[in-house]
Amino acid sequence: MSVTIRLTRLGRKKNPFYRIVVADSRSPRDGRNIETIGTYDPLKSPGAVQLEKERVQYWLDCGAQPSDTVRSLLKVKGILHERSLKRRKLDDSRVQEEMKKWELMQAERARTADEKASAKAAAKKAKKAEAKTEEAKPEDQKAAEPAPEAPAAESAA
């Protein structure tokens, strides 16, 4: 029996909510599962993920394969990074130290991403305002400027 860690969809139409479950790979998506180990709400701003860390570790140790989406959620929560540190046979104090560094790095990445997004939004807003003023500007200039003179026609003599 091949065991996978995957998402099961709940919620209503256009309002998804997922449970992170351990299931037989042959069972359907919303079918029978072995154990529920967390939840995922994609509609919240950064995507609210709640996991039972010990159970995730247990099932990964037993050979359960996470789906691509669950793997990305485990990366975001740092579970896969911590697992790789432990596999390198580092002591617990060193693992905790590395995890603190990782969390600081993730916070810095999130902050810079937010800054880039806000700068991009401000630039887009400024460009839109500039385009709006340029649309209004030619109408004013047409009324203020005289019509261009017609070129003098050459006469053949």
C-alpha atoms as a PDB file:
ATOM      1  CA  MET A   1       0.000   0.000   0.000  1.00  0.00           C
ATOM      2  CA  SER A   2       1.465   3.350  -1.067  1.00  0.00           C
ATOM      3  CA  VAL A   3       0.659   6.157   1.353  1.00  0.00           C
ATOM      4  CA  THR A   4       0.475   9.814   0.365  1.00  0.00           C
ATOM      5  CA  ILE A   5       0.048  13.064   2.244  1.00  0.00           C
ATOM      6  CA  ARG A   6      -2.366  15.182   0.241  1.00  0.00           C
ATOM      7  CA  LEU A   7      -5.224  17.675   0.356  1.00  0.00           C
ATOM      8  CA  THR A   8      -8.912  16.869   0.725  1.00  0.00           C
ATOM      9  CA  ARG A   9     -11.255  19.644  -0.360  1.00  0.00           C
ATOM     10  CA  LEU A  10     -13.956  20.991   1.917  1.00  0.00           C
ATOM     11  CA  GLY A  11     -15.895  24.242   1.873  1.00  0.00           C
ATOM     12  CA  ARG A  12     -18.489  25.381  -0.567  1.00  0.00           C
ATOM     13  CA  LYS A  13     -18.381  26.616  -4.130  1.00  0.00           C
ATOM     14  CA  LYS A  14     -15.662  29.269  -4.694  1.00  0.00           C
ATOM     15  CA  ASN A  15     -14.761  29.110  -0.995  1.00  0.00           C
ATOM     16  CA  PRO A  16     -12.213  26.296  -0.713  1.00  0.00           C
ATOM     17  CA  PHE A  17     -10.874  24.884   2.519  1.00  0.00           C
ATOM     18  CA  TYR A  18      -8.597  21.875   2.665  1.00  0.00           C
ATOM     19  CA  ARG A  19      -7.648  19.212   5.163  1.00  0.00           C
ATOM     20  CA  ILE A  20      -4.159  17.773   4.935  1.00  0.00           C
ATOM     21  CA  VAL A  21      -4.632  14.018   5.195  1.00  0.00           C
ATOM     22  CA  VAL A  22      -2.682  10.804   5.019  1.00  0.00           C
ATOM     23  CA  ALA A  23      -4.394   8.439   2.588  1.00  0.00           C
ATOM     24  CA  ASP A  24      -3.861   5.388   0.441  1.00  0.00           C
ATOM     25  CA  SER A  25      -2.760   6.610  -2.978  1.00  0.00           C
ATOM     26  CA  ARG A  26      -5.475   4.508  -4.635  1.00  0.00           C
ATOM     27  CA  SER A  27      -8.362   6.153  -2.754  1.00  0.00           C
ATOM     28  CA  PRO A  28     -10.177   9.130  -4.335  1.00  0.00           C
ATOM     29  CA  ARG A  29      -9.343  12.719  -3.379  1.00  0.00           C
ATOM     30  CA  ASP A  30     -12.290  13.216  -1.058  1.00  0.00           C
ATOM     31  CA  GLY A  31     -12.579   9.536  -0.167  1.00  0.00           C
ATOM     32  CA  ARG A  32     -11.365   7.504   2.770  1.00  0.00           C
ATOM     33  CA  ASN A  33      -8.257   8.674   4.583  1.00  0.00           C
ATOM     34  CA  ILE A  34      -6.061   7.210   7.278  1.00  0.00           C
ATOM     35  CA  GLU A  35      -5.482  10.306   9.388  1.00  0.00           C
ATOM     36  CA  THR A  36      -6.052  14.071   9.285  1.00  0.00           C
ATOM     37  CA  ILE A  37      -2.833  15.906  10.162  1.00  0.00           C
ATOM     38  CA  GLY A  38      -3.650  19.533   9.404  1.00  0.00           C
ATOM     39  CA  THR A  39      -5.630  22.176   7.554  1.00  0.00           C
ATOM     40  CA  TYR A  40      -4.995  24.728   4.806  1.00  0.00           C
ATOM     41  CA  ASP A  41      -7.076  27.836   4.091  1.00  0.00           C
ATOM     42  CA  PRO A  42      -5.891  29.428   0.821  1.00  0.00           C
ATOM     43  CA  LEU A  43      -8.259  32.405   1.062  1.00  0.00           C
ATOM     44  CA  LYS A  44      -6.466  33.974   4.013  1.00  0.00           C
ATOM     45  CA  SER A  45      -3.757  36.466   3.105  1.00  0.00           C
ATOM     46  CA  PRO A  46      -0.557  34.377   3.336  1.00  0.00           C
ATOM     47  CA  GLY A  47      -2.517  31.112   3.326  1.00  0.00           C
ATOM     48  CA  ALA A  48      -3.232  29.747   6.792  1.00  0.00           C
ATOM     49  CA  VAL A  49      -1.562  26.369   7.321  1.00  0.00           C
ATOM     50  CA  GLN A  50      -1.891  24.392  10.540  1.00  0.00           C
ATOM     51  CA  LEU A  51      -0.044  21.094  10.903  1.00  0.00           C
ATOM     52  CA  GLU A  52       0.566  18.523  13.593  1.00  0.00           C
ATOM     53  CA  LYS A  53       4.336  18.550  13.218  1.00  0.00           C
ATOM     54  CA  GLU A  54       4.995  15.291  15.082  1.00  0.00           C
ATOM     55  CA  ARG A  55       2.471  13.354  13.001  1.00  0.00           C
ATOM     56  CA  VAL A  56       3.873  14.771   9.765  1.00  0.00           C
ATOM     57  CA  GLN A  57       7.360  13.664  10.830  1.00  0.00           C
ATOM     58  CA  TYR A  58       6.022  10.215  11.767  1.00  0.00           C
ATOM     59  CA  TRP A  59       4.344   9.672   8.405  1.00  0.00           C
ATOM     60  CA  LEU A  60       7.353  10.941   6.462  1.00  0.00           C
ATOM     61  CA  ASP A  61       9.526   8.528   8.459  1.00  0.00           C
ATOM     62  CA  CYS A  62       7.113   5.716   7.565  1.00  0.00           C
ATOM     63  CA  GLY A  63       7.624   6.500   3.861  1.00  0.00           C
ATOM     64  CA  ALA A  64       4.549   8.567   3.021  1.00  0.00           C
ATOM     65  CA  GLN A  65       5.061  10.725  -0.068  1.00  0.00           C
ATOM     66  CA  PRO A  66       3.645  14.281   0.032  1.00  0.00           C
ATOM     67  CA  SER A  67       1.860  15.647  -3.022  1.00  0.00           C
ATOM     68  CA  ASP A  68       3.438  18.639  -4.768  1.00  0.00           C
ATOM     69  CA  THR A  69       1.130  21.124  -3.047  1.00  0.00           C
ATOM     70  CA  VAL A  70       1.628  19.587   0.383  1.00  0.00           C
ATOM     71  CA  ARG A  71       5.395  19.507  -0.216  1.00  0.00           C
ATOM     72  CA  SER A  72       5.342  23.268  -0.890  1.00  0.00           C
ATOM     73  CA  LEU A  73       3.287  23.840   2.290  1.00  0.00           C
ATOM     74  CA  LEU A  74       5.793  21.783   4.288  1.00  0.00           C
ATOM     75  CA  LYS A  75       8.606  23.890   2.848  1.00  0.00           C
ATOM     76  CA  VAL A  76       6.829  27.096   3.827  1.00  0.00           C
ATOM     77  CA  LYS A  77       6.382  25.845   7.398  1.00  0.00           C
ATOM     78  CA  GLY A  78      10.038  24.740   7.563  1.00  0.00           C
ATOM     79  CA  ILE A  79       9.302  21.101   8.294  1.00  0.00           C
ATOM     80  CA  LEU A  80      11.310  19.775   5.352  1.00  0.00           C
ATOM     81  CA  HIS A  81      14.270  22.030   6.218  1.00  0.00           C
ATOM     82  CA  GLU A  82      14.265  20.828   9.816  1.00  0.00           C
ATOM     83  CA  ARG A  83      14.018  17.230   8.615  1.00  0.00           C
ATOM     84  CA  SER A  84      17.045  17.672   6.356  1.00  0.00           C
ATOM     85  CA  LEU A  85      19.031  19.166   9.243  1.00  0.00           C
ATOM     86  CA  LYS A  86      18.187  16.196  11.450  1.00  0.00           C
ATOM     87  CA  ARG A  87      19.144  13.769   8.689  1.00  0.00           C
ATOM     88  CA  ARG A  88      22.606  15.348   8.677  1.00  0.00           C
ATOM     89  CA  LYS A  89      22.885  14.115  12.265  1.00  0.00           C
ATOM     90  CA  LEU A  90      23.167  17.585  13.821  1.00  0.00           C
ATOM     91  CA  ASP A  91      22.520  17.857  17.549  1.00  0.00           C
ATOM     92  CA  ASP A  92      19.261  19.448  18.743  1.00  0.00           C
ATOM     93  CA  SER A  93      20.822  22.742  19.810  1.00  0.00           C
ATOM     94  CA  ARG A  94      22.422  23.163  16.379  1.00  0.00           C
ATOM     95  CA  VAL A  95      19.138  22.297  14.654  1.00  0.00           C
ATOM     96  CA  GLN A  96      17.296  24.938  16.726  1.00  0.00           C
ATOM     97  CA  GLU A  97      19.975  27.512  15.890  1.00  0.00           C
ATOM     98  CA  GLU A  98      19.740  26.772  12.163  1.00  0.00           C
ATOM     99  CA  MET A  99      15.935  26.929  12.291  1.00  0.00           C
ATOM    100  CA  LYS A 100      16.086  30.387  13.907  1.00  0.00           C
ATOM    101  CA  LYS A 101      18.392  31.560  11.109  1.00  0.00           C
ATOM    102  CA  TRP A 102      16.009  30.075   8.551  1.00  0.00           C
ATOM    103  CA  GLU A 103      13.002  31.830  10.129  1.00  0.00           C
ATOM    104  CA  LEU A 104      14.824  35.178  10.087  1.00  0.00           C
ATOM    105  CA  MET A 105      15.750  34.660   6.446  1.00  0.00           C
ATOM    106  CA  GLN A 106      12.121  33.831   5.580  1.00  0.00           C
ATOM    107  CA  ALA A 107      10.890  36.943   7.401  1.00  0.00           C
ATOM    108  CA  GLU A 108      13.409  39.068   5.469  1.00  0.00           C
ATOM    109  CA  ARG A 109      12.273  37.543   2.168  1.00  0.00           C
ATOM    110  CA  ALA A 110       8.638  38.258   3.000  1.00  0.00           C
ATOM    111  CA  ARG A 111       9.471  41.848   3.941  1.00  0.00           C
ATOM    112  CA  THR A 112      11.383  42.503   0.708  1.00  0.00           C
ATOM    113  CA  ALA A 113       8.599  40.895  -1.325  1.00  0.00           C
ATOM    114  CA  ASP A 114       6.061  43.195   0.354  1.00  0.00           C
ATOM    115  CA  GLU A 115       8.262  46.224  -0.339  1.00  0.00           C
ATOM    116  CA  LYS A 116       8.613  45.257  -4.008  1.00  0.00           C
ATOM    117  CA  ALA A 117       4.877  44.742  -4.333  1.00  0.00           C
ATOM    118  CA  SER A 118       4.080  48.095  -2.746  1.00  0.00           C
ATOM    119  CA  ALA A 119       6.690  49.869  -4.912  1.00  0.00           C
ATOM    120  CA  LYS A 120       5.246  48.225  -8.015  1.00  0.00           C
ATOM    121  CA  ALA A 121       1.711  49.280  -7.025  1.00  0.00           C
ATOM    122  CA  ALA A 122       2.883  52.858  -6.389  1.00  0.00           C
ATOM    123  CA  ALA A 123       4.618  52.976  -9.778  1.00  0.00           C
ATOM    124  CA  LYS A 124       1.507  51.658 -11.491  1.00  0.00           C
ATOM    125  CA  LYS A 125      -0.640  54.252  -9.712  1.00  0.00           C
ATOM    126  CA  ALA A 126       1.755  57.057 -10.705  1.00  0.00           C
ATOM    127  CA  LYS A 127       1.797  55.879 -14.323  1.00  0.00           C
ATOM    128  CA  LYS A 128      -1.991  55.777 -14.381  1.00  0.00           C
ATOM    129  CA  ALA A 129      -2.204  59.323 -12.955  1.00  0.00           C
ATOM    130  CA  GLU A 130       0.363  60.536 -15.499  1.00  0.00           C
ATOM    131  CA  ALA A 131      -1.599  59.014 -18.358  1.00  0.00           C
ATOM    132  CA  LYS A 132      -4.756  60.676 -17.054  1.00  0.00           C
ATOM    133  CA  THR A 133      -3.101  64.114 -16.971  1.00  0.00           C
ATOM    134  CA  GLU A 134      -1.697  63.634 -20.476  1.00  0.00           C
ATOM    135  CA  GLU A 135      -5.182  62.826 -21.780  1.00  0.00           C
ATOM    136  CA  ALA A 136      -6.490  66.109 -20.363  1.00  0.00           C
ATOM    137  CA  LYS A 137      -3.449  68.136 -21.396  1.00  0.00           C
ATOM    138  CA  PRO A 138      -3.821  67.944 -25.219  1.00  0.00           C
ATOM    139  CA  GLU A 139      -7.390  69.289 -25.061  1.00  0.00           C
ATOM    140  CA  ASP A 140      -6.188  72.373 -23.172  1.00  0.00           C
ATOM    141  CA  GLN A 141      -3.268  72.854 -25.554  1.00  0.00           C
ATOM    142  CA  LYS A 142      -5.539  72.668 -28.600  1.00  0.00           C
ATOM    143  CA  ALA A 143      -7.619  75.586 -27.338  1.00  0.00           C
ATOM    144  CA  ALA A 144      -4.580  77.660 -26.334  1.00  0.00           C
ATOM    145  CA  GLU A 145      -2.386  77.092 -29.403  1.00  0.00           C
ATOM    146  CA  PRO A 146      -3.273  78.507 -32.829  1.00  0.00           C
ATOM    147  CA  ALA A 147      -3.834  76.100 -35.673  1.00  0.00           C
ATOM    148  CA  PRO A 148      -0.648  75.240 -37.571  1.00  0.00           C
ATOM    149  CA  GLU A 149      -0.100  77.207 -40.769  1.00  0.00           C
ATOM    150  CA  ALA A 150      -0.480  75.472 -44.080  1.00  0.00           C
ATOM    151  CA  PRO A 151       2.774  75.148 -46.035  1.00  0.00           C
ATOM    152  CA  ALA A 152       3.172  77.705 -48.796  1.00  0.00           C
ATOM    153  CA  ALA A 153       2.360  76.250 -52.171  1.00  0.00           C
ATOM    154  CA  GLU A 154       5.043  76.615 -54.746  1.00  0.00           C
ATOM    155  CA  SER A 155       3.881  78.276 -57.893  1.00  0.00           C
ATOM    156  CA  ALA A 156       5.279  77.340 -61.251  1.00  0.00           C
ATOM    157  CA  ALA A 157       6.065  80.418 -63.289  1.00  0.00           C
END
